[in-house]
Amino acid sequence: QGELVESGGGSAQAGGSLRLSCAVSGYSDANGCMAWFRQSPGKQREGVATMGEIGSRHYAASVVGRFTISRDNAKNTLDLQMNSLEPEDTAMYYCAADSGAWVGWQCSFEMSRYRLWGQGTQVTVSP
């Protein structure tokens, strides 16, 4: 139950920035997990960043220092600020949520742990 809708995708040049937003509706879990995943053609969907209401934020090694995941409770969105974009960041980006995706006090990077998904937003980074 609930709906996630991503926005903010588009085209950017290497070194540029984009900000993705995931609007959350019909879902509320103060102790749940939310995450951003991405998928390129021919590759498996991979976790990019996770954030729990309780626990620390975690990032894939490839985006550390460049991407920032955050929640805006006033607007009820999950956001991903992407700086210093690289062509390798080109992918379809998805937001996901699940009330039980915890691994200890951290949120899982496994796709199968998340039941609620958005439809995705395309990010294309040119050299």
Protein backbone atom coordinates (compact mmCIF):
# COMPACT_ATOMS: atom_id res chain seq x y z
CA GLN A 1 0.00 0.00 0.00
CA GLY A 2 1.22 3.46 -0.86
CA GLU A 3 2.81 5.15 -3.83
CA LEU A 4 6.25 6.51 -4.67
CA VAL A 5 6.75 8.89 -7.59
CA GLU A 6 10.23 9.97 -8.67
CA SER A 7 11.02 13.23 -10.42
CA GLY A 8 14.03 15.37 -11.25
CA GLY A 9 15.77 13.10 -13.73
CA GLY A 10 17.15 14.36 -16.99
CA SER A 11 20.39 15.01 -18.83
CA ALA A 12 23.54 16.54 -17.42
CA GLN A 13 27.15 16.92 -18.40
CA ALA A 14 29.97 15.29 -16.50
CA GLY A 15 30.75 17.34 -13.44
CA GLY A 16 27.23 18.72 -13.24
CA SER A 17 24.49 18.20 -10.67
CA LEU A 18 20.95 16.88 -10.48
CA ARG A 19 18.50 16.59 -7.60
CA LEU A 20 16.02 13.73 -7.56
CA SER A 21 12.88 13.72 -5.44
CA CYS A 22 10.58 10.88 -4.48
CA ALA A 23 7.10 11.92 -3.42
CA VAL A 24 5.63 9.57 -0.84
CA SER A 25 1.88 9.13 -0.45
CA GLY A 26 -0.34 6.57 1.25
CA TYR A 27 2.59 5.26 3.25
CA SER A 28 3.81 6.16 6.69
CA ASP A 29 6.21 4.29 8.90
CA ALA A 30 8.33 6.26 11.31
CA ASN A 31 10.64 3.27 11.78
CA GLY A 32 10.82 2.15 8.16
CA CYS A 33 13.59 2.21 5.57
CA MET A 34 13.84 4.14 2.34
CA ALA A 35 16.45 3.85 -0.38
CA TRP A 36 17.56 4.89 -3.83
CA PHE A 37 18.50 2.21 -6.37
CA ARG A 38 19.67 2.47 -9.95
CA GLN A 39 19.82 0.15 -12.93
CA SER A 40 21.62 0.34 -16.26
CA PRO A 41 20.83 -1.89 -19.26
CA GLY A 42 22.37 -5.33 -18.85
CA LYS A 43 23.16 -4.80 -15.19
CA GLN A 44 21.42 -5.73 -11.96
CA ARG A 45 19.70 -3.09 -9.92
CA GLU A 46 22.08 -1.78 -7.29
CA GLY A 47 21.62 0.14 -4.10
CA VAL A 48 22.86 3.72 -4.17
CA ALA A 49 21.93 5.11 -0.77
CA THR A 50 19.71 4.21 2.17
CA MET A 51 18.18 6.14 5.01
CA GLY A 52 16.17 5.07 8.02
CA GLU A 53 14.23 7.14 10.48
CA ILE A 54 16.45 5.48 13.06
CA GLY A 55 20.03 4.73 12.04
CA SER A 56 22.73 6.24 9.88
CA ARG A 57 22.76 6.96 6.17
CA HIS A 58 24.74 4.58 3.99
CA TYR A 59 26.10 4.96 0.47
CA ALA A 60 27.54 2.79 -2.24
CA ALA A 61 31.29 3.26 -2.44
CA SER A 62 31.05 4.69 -5.95
CA VAL A 63 28.95 7.68 -4.82
CA VAL A 64 30.48 8.52 -1.44
CA GLY A 65 31.29 12.21 -1.26
CA ARG A 66 29.19 13.01 -4.34
CA PHE A 67 25.61 11.99 -3.49
CA THR A 68 23.54 12.91 -0.46
CA ILE A 69 20.29 11.22 0.59
CA SER A 70 17.83 13.15 2.73
CA ARG A 71 14.22 13.30 3.83
CA ASP A 72 11.99 16.34 3.80
CA ASN A 73 9.23 15.51 6.25
CA ALA A 74 7.37 18.75 5.56
CA LYS A 75 7.01 17.85 1.87
CA ASN A 76 7.00 14.09 2.50
CA THR A 77 9.76 13.41 -0.01
CA LEU A 78 12.95 11.39 -0.19
CA ASP A 79 15.62 13.33 -2.04
CA LEU A 80 18.94 12.50 -3.67
CA GLN A 81 21.35 15.33 -4.39
CA MET A 82 23.86 14.22 -7.01
CA ASN A 83 26.99 16.29 -7.53
CA SER A 84 30.10 15.76 -9.64
CA LEU A 85 28.16 13.49 -11.96
CA GLU A 86 30.03 10.96 -14.06
CA PRO A 87 28.96 9.09 -17.21
CA GLU A 88 28.93 5.92 -15.10
CA ASP A 89 26.04 7.41 -13.12
CA THR A 90 23.78 7.05 -16.16
CA ALA A 91 20.90 4.78 -15.14
CA MET A 92 17.24 4.56 -14.27
CA TYR A 93 16.92 5.66 -10.66
CA TYR A 94 14.25 4.19 -8.38
CA CYS A 95 13.18 5.01 -4.87
CA ALA A 96 11.97 2.25 -2.59
CA ALA A 97 10.47 1.81 0.84
CA ASP A 98 9.74 -1.00 3.26
CA SER A 99 8.86 -1.09 6.92
CA GLY A 100 11.00 -4.17 7.57
CA ALA A 101 14.17 -3.69 5.48
CA TRP A 102 16.38 -3.43 8.54
CA VAL A 103 19.71 -5.17 9.02
CA GLY A 104 20.39 -4.40 12.61
CA TRP A 105 20.16 -0.62 12.88
CA GLN A 106 20.93 -0.14 9.19
CA CYS A 107 18.73 -0.33 6.11
CA SER A 108 19.38 -3.09 3.60
CA PHE A 109 21.01 -2.60 0.18
CA GLU A 110 19.23 -5.71 -1.15
CA MET A 111 16.55 -5.01 -3.73
CA SER A 112 14.44 -7.96 -2.57
CA ARG A 113 14.00 -6.41 0.88
CA TYR A 114 11.91 -3.53 -0.49
CA ARG A 115 8.26 -4.00 -1.43
CA LEU A 116 7.19 -0.48 -2.40
CA TRP A 117 8.77 0.99 -5.52
CA GLY A 118 8.46 4.01 -7.75
CA GLN A 119 8.37 3.80 -11.54
CA GLY A 120 11.83 5.29 -11.95
CA THR A 121 13.35 8.42 -13.44
CA GLN A 122 16.06 8.41 -16.09
CA VAL A 123 19.41 10.09 -15.49
CA THR A 124 21.79 10.50 -18.42
CA VAL A 125 25.26 11.96 -17.98
CA SER A 126 27.27 12.86 -21.06
CA PRO A 127 31.08 13.03 -21.12
